[in-house]
């Protein structure tokens, strides 16, 4: 019993160590870094500004949050009402709603 416990503990420790050792490449960026870059270059409006334009039009819905698509230069705002998720795509430059489903 004691030997079985120590074998499991050793295996668990080995797994935990291998997970911690995975390097993270900060140069890959991601949507947050792309958004920061585009904001600094004044290519897109701030997320808060987009939210101020769209949220008043979505009465009765709970706001879940935004996503930014750097390729399309759009924000996708997510809402939910009665268990149904609604997506609103917004042009990041103009703030115009370009799609809703």
PDB file of N, CA and C in Angstrom:
ATOM      1  N   UNK A   1       0.828  -1.193   0.000  1.00  0.00           N
ATOM      2  CA  UNK A   1       0.000   0.000   0.000  1.00  0.00           C
ATOM      3  C   UNK A   1       0.871   1.255   0.000  1.00  0.00           C
ATOM      4  N   UNK A   2       1.882   1.276   0.859  1.00  0.00           N
ATOM      5  CA  UNK A   2       2.760   2.422   0.964  1.00  0.00           C
ATOM      6  C   UNK A   2       3.563   2.620  -0.315  1.00  0.00           C
ATOM      7  N   UNK A   3       4.004   1.490  -0.885  1.00  0.00           N
ATOM      8  CA  UNK A   3       4.769   1.542  -2.127  1.00  0.00           C
ATOM      9  C   UNK A   3       3.902   2.044  -3.278  1.00  0.00           C
ATOM     10  N   UNK A   4       2.632   1.604  -3.310  1.00  0.00           N
ATOM     11  CA  UNK A   4       1.698   2.041  -4.347  1.00  0.00           C
ATOM     12  C   UNK A   4       1.450   3.548  -4.223  1.00  0.00           C
ATOM     13  N   UNK A   5       1.303   4.040  -3.001  1.00  0.00           N
ATOM     14  CA  UNK A   5       1.078   5.465  -2.768  1.00  0.00           C
ATOM     15  C   UNK A   5       2.270   6.286  -3.246  1.00  0.00           C
ATOM     16  N   UNK A   6       3.489   5.833  -2.922  1.00  0.00           N
ATOM     17  CA  UNK A   6       4.677   6.589  -3.309  1.00  0.00           C
ATOM     18  C   UNK A   6       4.869   6.571  -4.824  1.00  0.00           C
ATOM     19  N   UNK A   7       4.493   5.480  -5.488  1.00  0.00           N
ATOM     20  CA  UNK A   7       4.574   5.427  -6.950  1.00  0.00           C
ATOM     21  C   UNK A   7       3.608   6.427  -7.586  1.00  0.00           C
ATOM     22  N   UNK A   8       2.409   6.503  -7.042  1.00  0.00           N
ATOM     23  CA  UNK A   8       1.421   7.461  -7.565  1.00  0.00           C
ATOM     24  C   UNK A   8       1.866   8.894  -7.309  1.00  0.00           C
ATOM     25  N   UNK A   9       2.406   9.135  -6.124  1.00  0.00           N
ATOM     26  CA  UNK A   9       2.882  10.478  -5.786  1.00  0.00           C
ATOM     27  C   UNK A   9       4.015  10.895  -6.721  1.00  0.00           C
ATOM     28  N   UNK A  10       4.923   9.961  -7.008  1.00  0.00           N
ATOM     29  CA  UNK A  10       6.032  10.241  -7.910  1.00  0.00           C
ATOM     30  C   UNK A  10       5.526  10.532  -9.323  1.00  0.00           C
ATOM     31  N   UNK A  11       4.574   9.745  -9.795  1.00  0.00           N
ATOM     32  CA  UNK A  11       4.006   9.961 -11.125  1.00  0.00           C
ATOM     33  C   UNK A  11       3.294  11.305 -11.206  1.00  0.00           C
ATOM     34  N   UNK A  12       2.553  11.653 -10.170  1.00  0.00           N
ATOM     35  CA  UNK A  12       1.852  12.930 -10.130  1.00  0.00           C
ATOM     36  C   UNK A  12       2.838  14.091 -10.133  1.00  0.00           C
ATOM     37  N   UNK A  13       3.908  13.976  -9.369  1.00  0.00           N
ATOM     38  CA  UNK A  13       4.930  15.022  -9.321  1.00  0.00           C
ATOM     39  C   UNK A  13       5.595  15.188 -10.680  1.00  0.00           C
ATOM     40  N   UNK A  14       5.849  14.078 -11.370  1.00  0.00           N
ATOM     41  CA  UNK A  14       6.465  14.146 -12.697  1.00  0.00           C
ATOM     42  C   UNK A  14       5.550  14.860 -13.694  1.00  0.00           C
ATOM     43  N   UNK A  15       4.258  14.564 -13.620  1.00  0.00           N
ATOM     44  CA  UNK A  15       3.298  15.233 -14.506  1.00  0.00           C
ATOM     45  C   UNK A  15       3.237  16.718 -14.212  1.00  0.00           C
ATOM     46  N   UNK A  16       3.182  17.082 -12.962  1.00  0.00           N
ATOM     47  CA  UNK A  16       3.100  18.489 -12.571  1.00  0.00           C
ATOM     48  C   UNK A  16       4.345  19.238 -13.015  1.00  0.00           C
ATOM     49  N   UNK A  17       5.499  18.626 -12.873  1.00  0.00           N
ATOM     50  CA  UNK A  17       6.754  19.256 -13.277  1.00  0.00           C
ATOM     51  C   UNK A  17       6.789  19.477 -14.780  1.00  0.00           C
ATOM     52  N   UNK A  18       6.312  18.517 -15.540  1.00  0.00           N
ATOM     53  CA  UNK A  18       6.334  18.670 -16.994  1.00  0.00           C
ATOM     54  C   UNK A  18       5.379  19.754 -17.457  1.00  0.00           C
ATOM     55  N   UNK A  19       4.287  19.947 -16.760  1.00  0.00           N
ATOM     56  CA  UNK A  19       3.356  21.008 -17.125  1.00  0.00           C
ATOM     57  C   UNK A  19       3.942  22.382 -16.842  1.00  0.00           C
ATOM     58  N   UNK A  20       4.637  22.509 -15.754  1.00  0.00           N
ATOM     59  CA  UNK A  20       5.227  23.787 -15.373  1.00  0.00           C
ATOM     60  C   UNK A  20       6.366  24.153 -16.314  1.00  0.00           C
ATOM     61  N   UNK A  21       7.041  23.185 -16.875  1.00  0.00           N
ATOM     62  CA  UNK A  21       8.219  23.432 -17.690  1.00  0.00           C
ATOM     63  C   UNK A  21       7.906  23.857 -19.119  1.00  0.00           C
ATOM     64  N   UNK A  22       6.644  23.918 -19.501  1.00  0.00           N
ATOM     65  CA  UNK A  22       6.283  24.299 -20.861  1.00  0.00           C
ATOM     66  C   UNK A  22       6.544  25.791 -21.045  1.00  0.00           C
ATOM     67  N   UNK A  23       7.422  26.181 -21.974  1.00  0.00           N
ATOM     68  CA  UNK A  23       7.723  27.602 -22.154  1.00  0.00           C
ATOM     69  C   UNK A  23       6.577  28.335 -22.851  1.00  0.00           C
ATOM     70  N   UNK A  24       6.428  29.590 -22.496  1.00  0.00           N
ATOM     71  CA  UNK A  24       5.410  30.430 -23.117  1.00  0.00           C
ATOM     72  C   UNK A  24       6.136  31.419 -23.997  1.00  0.00           C
ATOM     73  N   UNK A  25       5.777  31.465 -25.257  1.00  0.00           N
ATOM     74  CA  UNK A  25       6.408  32.369 -26.210  1.00  0.00           C
ATOM     75  C   UNK A  25       5.632  33.671 -26.248  1.00  0.00           C
ATOM     76  N   UNK A  26       6.162  34.692 -25.596  1.00  0.00           N
ATOM     77  CA  UNK A  26       5.476  35.985 -25.524  1.00  0.00           C
ATOM     78  C   UNK A  26       5.475  36.693 -26.870  1.00  0.00           C
ATOM     79  N   UNK A  27       6.337  36.297 -27.790  1.00  0.00           N
ATOM     80  CA  UNK A  27       6.400  36.971 -29.082  1.00  0.00           C
ATOM     81  C   UNK A  27       5.226  36.600 -29.987  1.00  0.00           C
ATOM     82  N   UNK A  28       4.490  35.536 -29.638  1.00  0.00           N
ATOM     83  CA  UNK A  28       3.364  35.133 -30.470  1.00  0.00           C
ATOM     84  C   UNK A  28       2.264  36.176 -30.470  1.00  0.00           C
ATOM     85  N   UNK A  29       2.144  36.941 -29.423  1.00  0.00           N
ATOM     86  CA  UNK A  29       1.149  38.006 -29.368  1.00  0.00           C
ATOM     87  C   UNK A  29      -0.208  37.476 -29.023  1.00  0.00           C
ATOM     88  N   UNK A  30      -1.143  37.698 -29.879  1.00  0.00           N
ATOM     89  CA  UNK A  30      -2.505  37.313 -29.620  1.00  0.00           C
ATOM     90  C   UNK A  30      -3.407  38.499 -29.845  1.00  0.00           C
ATOM     91  N   UNK A  31      -4.667  38.277 -29.625  1.00  0.00           N
ATOM     92  CA  UNK A  31      -5.652  39.319 -29.917  1.00  0.00           C
ATOM     93  C   UNK A  31      -5.445  40.563 -29.060  1.00  0.00           C
ATOM     94  N   UNK A  32      -5.033  40.400 -27.802  1.00  0.00           N
ATOM     95  CA  UNK A  32      -4.806  41.565 -26.936  1.00  0.00           C
ATOM     96  C   UNK A  32      -3.658  42.424 -27.447  1.00  0.00           C
ATOM     97  N   UNK A  33      -2.564  41.792 -27.839  1.00  0.00           N
ATOM     98  CA  UNK A  33      -1.422  42.550 -28.356  1.00  0.00           C
ATOM     99  C   UNK A  33      -1.756  43.231 -29.673  1.00  0.00           C
ATOM    100  N   UNK A  34      -2.508  42.551 -30.519  1.00  0.00           N
ATOM    101  CA  UNK A  34      -2.931  43.144 -31.785  1.00  0.00           C
ATOM    102  C   UNK A  34      -3.800  44.377 -31.539  1.00  0.00           C
ATOM    103  N   UNK A  35      -4.716  44.254 -30.576  1.00  0.00           N
ATOM    104  CA  UNK A  35      -5.586  45.382 -30.251  1.00  0.00           C
ATOM    105  C   UNK A  35      -4.774  46.558 -29.723  1.00  0.00           C
ATOM    106  N   UNK A  36      -3.837  46.286 -28.837  1.00  0.00           N
ATOM    107  CA  UNK A  36      -2.988  47.364 -28.313  1.00  0.00           C
ATOM    108  C   UNK A  36      -2.218  48.051 -29.428  1.00  0.00           C
ATOM    109  N   UNK A  37      -1.664  47.265 -30.329  1.00  0.00           N
ATOM    110  CA  UNK A  37      -0.908  47.831 -31.456  1.00  0.00           C
ATOM    111  C   UNK A  37      -1.797  48.710 -32.324  1.00  0.00           C
ATOM    112  N   UNK A  38      -2.987  48.200 -32.668  1.00  0.00           N
ATOM    113  CA  UNK A  38      -3.906  48.971 -33.511  1.00  0.00           C
ATOM    114  C   UNK A  38      -4.416  50.224 -32.799  1.00  0.00           C
ATOM    115  N   UNK A  39      -4.610  50.140 -31.480  1.00  0.00           N
ATOM    116  CA  UNK A  39      -5.046  51.312 -30.708  1.00  0.00           C
ATOM    117  C   UNK A  39      -3.962  52.386 -30.711  1.00  0.00           C
ATOM    118  N   UNK A  40      -2.719  51.989 -30.465  1.00  0.00           N
ATOM    119  CA  UNK A  40      -1.610  52.955 -30.455  1.00  0.00           C
ATOM    120  C   UNK A  40      -1.442  53.632 -31.812  1.00  0.00           C
ATOM    121  N   UNK A  41      -1.720  52.908 -32.877  1.00  0.00           N
ATOM    122  CA  UNK A  41      -1.611  53.452 -34.234  1.00  0.00           C
ATOM    123  C   UNK A  41      -2.868  54.228 -34.635  1.00  0.00           C
ATOM    124  N   UNK A  42      -3.836  54.339 -33.732  1.00  0.00           N
ATOM    125  CA  UNK A  42      -5.110  55.042 -33.984  1.00  0.00           C
ATOM    126  C   UNK A  42      -5.875  54.453 -35.168  1.00  0.00           C
ATOM    127  N   UNK A  43      -5.748  53.134 -35.343  1.00  0.00           N
ATOM    128  CA  UNK A  43      -6.470  52.447 -36.417  1.00  0.00           C
ATOM    129  C   UNK A  43      -7.876  52.050 -35.981  1.00  0.00           C
ATOM    130  N   UNK A  44      -8.076  51.862 -34.683  1.00  0.00           N
ATOM    131  CA  UNK A  44      -9.366  51.398 -34.172  1.00  0.00           C
ATOM    132  C   UNK A  44      -9.783  52.227 -32.956  1.00  0.00           C
ATOM    133  N   UNK A  45     -11.081  52.205 -32.703  1.00  0.00           N
ATOM    134  CA  UNK A  45     -11.617  52.884 -31.525  1.00  0.00           C
ATOM    135  C   UNK A  45     -11.401  52.015 -30.287  1.00  0.00           C
ATOM    136  N   UNK A  46     -11.319  52.643 -29.115  1.00  0.00           N
ATOM    137  CA  UNK A  46     -11.174  51.859 -27.886  1.00  0.00           C
ATOM    138  C   UNK A  46     -12.397  50.982 -27.637  1.00  0.00           C
ATOM    139  N   UNK A  47     -12.175  49.879 -26.979  1.00  0.00           N
ATOM    140  CA  UNK A  47     -13.258  48.950 -26.654  1.00  0.00           C
ATOM    141  C   UNK A  47     -14.369  49.655 -25.882  1.00  0.00           C
ATOM    142  N   UNK A  48     -14.000  50.472 -24.913  1.00  0.00           N
ATOM    143  CA  UNK A  48     -15.010  51.173 -24.095  1.00  0.00           C
ATOM    144  C   UNK A  48     -15.893  52.080 -24.947  1.00  0.00           C
ATOM    145  N   UNK A  49     -15.307  52.711 -25.932  1.00  0.00           N
ATOM    146  CA  UNK A  49     -16.086  53.584 -26.814  1.00  0.00           C
ATOM    147  C   UNK A  49     -17.087  52.769 -27.640  1.00  0.00           C
ATOM    148  N   UNK A  50     -16.639  51.632 -28.140  1.00  0.00           N
ATOM    149  CA  UNK A  50     -17.522  50.745 -28.903  1.00  0.00           C
ATOM    150  C   UNK A  50     -18.666  50.271 -28.011  1.00  0.00           C
ATOM    151  N   UNK A  51     -18.332  49.883 -26.786  1.00  0.00           N
ATOM    152  CA  UNK A  51     -19.361  49.430 -25.847  1.00  0.00           C
ATOM    153  C   UNK A  51     -20.374  50.538 -25.561  1.00  0.00           C
ATOM    154  N   UNK A  52     -19.920  51.784 -25.423  1.00  0.00           N
ATOM    155  CA  UNK A  52     -20.828  52.899 -25.159  1.00  0.00           C
ATOM    156  C   UNK A  52     -21.790  53.128 -26.323  1.00  0.00           C
ATOM    157  N   UNK A  53     -21.363  52.807 -27.525  1.00  0.00           N
ATOM    158  CA  UNK A  53     -22.224  52.952 -28.699  1.00  0.00           C
ATOM    159  C   UNK A  53     -23.247  51.826 -28.813  1.00  0.00           C
ATOM    160  N   UNK A  54     -22.825  50.605 -28.499  1.00  0.00           N
ATOM    161  CA  UNK A  54     -23.657  49.428 -28.768  1.00  0.00           C
ATOM    162  C   UNK A  54     -24.545  49.025 -27.593  1.00  0.00           C
ATOM    163  N   UNK A  55     -24.020  49.044 -26.388  1.00  0.00           N
ATOM    164  CA  UNK A  55     -24.773  48.541 -25.237  1.00  0.00           C
ATOM    165  C   UNK A  55     -26.149  49.181 -25.067  1.00  0.00           C
ATOM    166  N   UNK A  56     -26.325  50.487 -25.265  1.00  0.00           N
ATOM    167  CA  UNK A  56     -27.667  51.057 -25.123  1.00  0.00           C
ATOM    168  C   UNK A  56     -28.685  50.486 -26.127  1.00  0.00           C
ATOM    169  N   UNK A  57     -28.215  49.962 -27.238  1.00  0.00           N
ATOM    170  CA  UNK A  57     -29.096  49.396 -28.251  1.00  0.00           C
ATOM    171  C   UNK A  57     -29.510  47.955 -27.935  1.00  0.00           C
ATOM    172  N   UNK A  58     -28.922  47.379 -26.891  1.00  0.00           N
ATOM    173  CA  UNK A  58     -29.150  45.973 -26.580  1.00  0.00           C
ATOM    174  C   UNK A  58     -29.911  45.814 -25.267  1.00  0.00           C
ATOM    175  N   UNK A  59     -30.950  46.601 -25.091  1.00  0.00           N
ATOM    176  CA  UNK A  59     -31.702  46.562 -23.837  1.00  0.00           C
ATOM    177  C   UNK A  59     -32.313  45.182 -23.604  1.00  0.00           C
ATOM    178  N   UNK A  60     -32.328  44.783 -22.354  1.00  0.00           N
ATOM    179  CA  UNK A  60     -32.881  43.493 -21.984  1.00  0.00           C
ATOM    180  C   UNK A  60     -31.912  42.337 -22.138  1.00  0.00           C
ATOM    181  N   UNK A  61     -30.696  42.622 -22.592  1.00  0.00           N
ATOM    182  CA  UNK A  61     -29.697  41.570 -22.767  1.00  0.00           C
ATOM    183  C   UNK A  61     -28.563  41.763 -21.773  1.00  0.00           C
ATOM    184  N   UNK A  62     -28.005  40.646 -21.325  1.00  0.00           N
ATOM    185  CA  UNK A  62     -26.849  40.686 -20.432  1.00  0.00           C
ATOM    186  C   UNK A  62     -25.593  40.684 -21.301  1.00  0.00           C
ATOM    187  N   UNK A  63     -24.706  41.619 -21.041  1.00  0.00           N
ATOM    188  CA  UNK A  63     -23.465  41.738 -21.801  1.00  0.00           C
ATOM    189  C   UNK A  63     -22.436  40.754 -21.264  1.00  0.00           C
ATOM    190  N   UNK A  64     -21.852  39.937 -22.154  1.00  0.00           N
ATOM    191  CA  UNK A  64     -20.865  38.935 -21.760  1.00  0.00           C
ATOM    192  C   UNK A  64     -19.430  39.391 -21.999  1.00  0.00           C
ATOM    193  N   UNK A  65     -19.224  40.281 -22.973  1.00  0.00           N
ATOM    194  CA  UNK A  65     -17.873  40.784 -23.217  1.00  0.00           C
ATOM    195  C   UNK A  65     -17.525  40.864 -24.688  1.00  0.00           C
ATOM    196  N   UNK A  66     -16.373  41.500 -24.974  1.00  0.00           N
ATOM    197  CA  UNK A  66     -15.934  41.687 -26.358  1.00  0.00           C
ATOM    198  C   UNK A  66     -14.826  40.722 -26.770  1.00  0.00           C
ATOM    199  N   UNK A  67     -14.661  40.592 -28.070  1.00  0.00           N
ATOM    200  CA  UNK A  67     -13.499  39.951 -28.684  1.00  0.00           C
ATOM    201  C   UNK A  67     -13.067  40.877 -29.806  1.00  0.00           C
ATOM    202  N   UNK A  68     -11.786  40.871 -30.126  1.00  0.00           N
ATOM    203  CA  UNK A  68     -11.280  41.692 -31.218  1.00  0.00           C
ATOM    204  C   UNK A  68     -10.691  40.788 -32.276  1.00  0.00           C
ATOM    205  N   UNK A  69     -11.045  41.042 -33.542  1.00  0.00           N
ATOM    206  CA  UNK A  69     -10.496  40.292 -34.670  1.00  0.00           C
ATOM    207  C   UNK A  69      -9.562  41.227 -35.431  1.00  0.00           C
ATOM    208  N   UNK A  70      -8.247  41.071 -35.262  1.00  0.00           N
ATOM    209  CA  UNK A  70      -7.314  41.986 -35.906  1.00  0.00           C
ATOM    210  C   UNK A  70      -7.293  41.884 -37.425  1.00  0.00           C
ATOM    211  N   UNK A  71      -7.618  40.733 -37.971  1.00  0.00           N
ATOM    212  CA  UNK A  71      -7.627  40.575 -39.424  1.00  0.00           C
ATOM    213  C   UNK A  71      -8.773  41.362 -40.052  1.00  0.00           C
ATOM    214  N   UNK A  72      -9.958  41.236 -39.489  1.00  0.00           N
ATOM    215  CA  UNK A  72     -11.131  41.944 -40.014  1.00  0.00           C
ATOM    216  C   UNK A  72     -11.270  43.348 -39.427  1.00  0.00           C
ATOM    217  N   UNK A  73     -10.486  43.637 -38.369  1.00  0.00           N
ATOM    218  CA  UNK A  73     -10.572  44.907 -37.640  1.00  0.00           C
ATOM    219  C   UNK A  73     -12.002  45.150 -37.171  1.00  0.00           C
ATOM    220  N   UNK A  74     -12.541  44.120 -36.496  1.00  0.00           N
ATOM    221  CA  UNK A  74     -13.895  44.206 -35.945  1.00  0.00           C
ATOM    222  C   UNK A  74     -13.885  43.748 -34.494  1.00  0.00           C
ATOM    223  N   UNK A  75     -14.850  44.265 -33.767  1.00  0.00           N
ATOM    224  CA  UNK A  75     -15.134  43.767 -32.433  1.00  0.00           C
ATOM    225  C   UNK A  75     -16.348  42.855 -32.546  1.00  0.00           C
ATOM    226  N   UNK A  76     -16.372  41.810 -31.763  1.00  0.00           N
ATOM    227  CA  UNK A  76     -17.563  40.972 -31.630  1.00  0.00           C
ATOM    228  C   UNK A  76     -17.992  41.063 -30.172  1.00  0.00           C
ATOM    229  N   UNK A  77     -19.144  41.683 -29.953  1.00  0.00           N
ATOM    230  CA  UNK A  77     -19.686  41.812 -28.610  1.00  0.00           C
ATOM    231  C   UNK A  77     -20.689  40.694 -28.393  1.00  0.00           C
ATOM    232  N   UNK A  78     -20.617  40.044 -27.235  1.00  0.00           N
ATOM    233  CA  UNK A  78     -21.475  38.891 -26.946  1.00  0.00           C
ATOM    234  C   UNK A  78     -22.483  39.261 -25.866  1.00  0.00           C
ATOM    235  N   UNK A  79     -23.726  38.857 -26.123  1.00  0.00           N
ATOM    236  CA  UNK A  79     -24.821  39.104 -25.198  1.00  0.00           C
ATOM    237  C   UNK A  79     -25.591  37.809 -24.995  1.00  0.00           C
ATOM    238  N   UNK A  80     -26.400  37.762 -23.931  1.00  0.00           N
ATOM    239  CA  UNK A  80     -27.268  36.614 -23.711  1.00  0.00           C
ATOM    240  C   UNK A  80     -28.609  37.115 -23.194  1.00  0.00           C
ATOM    241  N   UNK A  81     -29.671  36.462 -23.691  1.00  0.00           N
ATOM    242  CA  UNK A  81     -31.025  36.739 -23.204  1.00  0.00           C
ATOM    243  C   UNK A  81     -31.813  35.448 -23.298  1.00  0.00           C
ATOM    244  N   UNK A  82     -32.435  35.069 -22.176  1.00  0.00           N
ATOM    245  CA  UNK A  82     -33.238  33.846 -22.100  1.00  0.00           C
ATOM    246  C   UNK A  82     -32.464  32.610 -22.582  1.00  0.00           C
ATOM    247  N   UNK A  83     -31.184  32.542 -22.227  1.00  0.00           N
ATOM    248  CA  UNK A  83     -30.375  31.392 -22.588  1.00  0.00           C
ATOM    249  C   UNK A  83     -29.872  31.389 -24.015  1.00  0.00           C
ATOM    250  N   UNK A  84     -30.168  32.421 -24.779  1.00  0.00           N
ATOM    251  CA  UNK A  84     -29.742  32.498 -26.180  1.00  0.00           C
ATOM    252  C   UNK A  84     -28.622  33.523 -26.318  1.00  0.00           C
ATOM    253  N   UNK A  85     -27.500  33.127 -26.902  1.00  0.00           N
ATOM    254  CA  UNK A  85     -26.365  34.021 -27.107  1.00  0.00           C
ATOM    255  C   UNK A  85     -26.568  34.795 -28.404  1.00  0.00           C
ATOM    256  N   UNK A  86     -26.308  36.096 -28.336  1.00  0.00           N
ATOM    257  CA  UNK A  86     -26.417  36.979 -29.499  1.00  0.00           C
ATOM    258  C   UNK A  86     -25.060  37.631 -29.715  1.00  0.00           C
ATOM    259  N   UNK A  87     -24.572  37.600 -30.944  1.00  0.00           N
ATOM    260  CA  UNK A  87     -23.305  38.228 -31.302  1.00  0.00           C
ATOM    261  C   UNK A  87     -23.597  39.487 -32.099  1.00  0.00           C
ATOM    262  N   UNK A  88     -22.855  40.546 -31.809  1.00  0.00           N
ATOM    263  CA  UNK A  88     -22.962  41.788 -32.560  1.00  0.00           C
ATOM    264  C   UNK A  88     -21.564  42.135 -33.052  1.00  0.00           C
ATOM    265  N   UNK A  89     -21.389  42.178 -34.375  1.00  0.00           N
ATOM    266  CA  UNK A  89     -20.103  42.545 -34.963  1.00  0.00           C
ATOM    267  C   UNK A  89     -20.104  44.044 -35.244  1.00  0.00           C
ATOM    268  N   UNK A  90     -19.020  44.687 -34.860  1.00  0.00           N
ATOM    269  CA  UNK A  90     -18.915  46.132 -34.965  1.00  0.00           C
ATOM    270  C   UNK A  90     -17.603  46.492 -35.658  1.00  0.00           C
ATOM    271  N   UNK A  91     -17.671  47.389 -36.640  1.00  0.00           N
ATOM    272  CA  UNK A  91     -16.477  47.890 -37.310  1.00  0.00           C
ATOM    273  C   UNK A  91     -15.636  48.643 -36.285  1.00  0.00           C
ATOM    274  N   UNK A  92     -14.389  48.235 -36.103  1.00  0.00           N
ATOM    275  CA  UNK A  92     -13.544  48.824 -35.063  1.00  0.00           C
ATOM    276  C   UNK A  92     -13.101  50.240 -35.390  1.00  0.00           C
ATOM    277  N   UNK A  93     -13.180  50.639 -36.652  1.00  0.00           N
ATOM    278  CA  UNK A  93     -12.789  51.993 -37.032  1.00  0.00           C
ATOM    279  C   UNK A  93     -13.940  52.980 -36.888  1.00  0.00           C
ATOM    280  N   UNK A  94     -15.102  52.601 -37.398  1.00  0.00           N
ATOM    281  CA  UNK A  94     -16.234  53.536 -37.413  1.00  0.00           C
ATOM    282  C   UNK A  94     -17.169  53.367 -36.224  1.00  0.00           C
ATOM    283  N   UNK A  95     -17.213  52.187 -35.644  1.00  0.00           N
ATOM    284  CA  UNK A  95     -18.155  51.912 -34.566  1.00  0.00           C
ATOM    285  C   UNK A  95     -19.525  51.479 -35.078  1.00  0.00           C
ATOM    286  N   UNK A  96     -19.644  51.284 -36.373  1.00  0.00           N
ATOM    287  CA  UNK A  96     -20.925  50.884 -36.974  1.00  0.00           C
ATOM    288  C   UNK A  96     -21.162  49.394 -36.770  1.00  0.00           C
ATOM    289  N   UNK A  97     -22.404  49.048 -36.441  1.00  0.00           N
ATOM    290  CA  UNK A  97     -22.783  47.645 -36.334  1.00  0.00           C
ATOM    291  C   UNK A  97     -22.868  47.073 -37.747  1.00  0.00           C
ATOM    292  N   UNK A  98     -22.140  45.984 -37.993  1.00  0.00           N
ATOM    293  CA  UNK A  98     -22.113  45.399 -39.336  1.00  0.00           C
ATOM    294  C   UNK A  98     -22.767  44.025 -39.382  1.00  0.00           C
ATOM    295  N   UNK A  99     -23.171  43.505 -38.244  1.00  0.00           N
ATOM    296  CA  UNK A  99     -23.842  42.216 -38.235  1.00  0.00           C
ATOM    297  C   UNK A  99     -24.359  41.896 -36.849  1.00  0.00           C
ATOM    298  N   UNK A 100     -25.453  41.154 -36.828  1.00  0.00           N
ATOM    299  CA  UNK A 100     -26.047  40.756 -35.544  1.00  0.00           C
ATOM    300  C   UNK A 100     -26.749  39.417 -35.740  1.00  0.00           C
ATOM    301  N   UNK A 101     -26.402  38.422 -34.915  1.00  0.00           N
ATOM    302  CA  UNK A 101     -27.053  37.124 -34.958  1.00  0.00           C
ATOM    303  C   UNK A 101     -26.933  36.432 -33.645  1.00  0.00           C
TER     304      UNK A 101
END
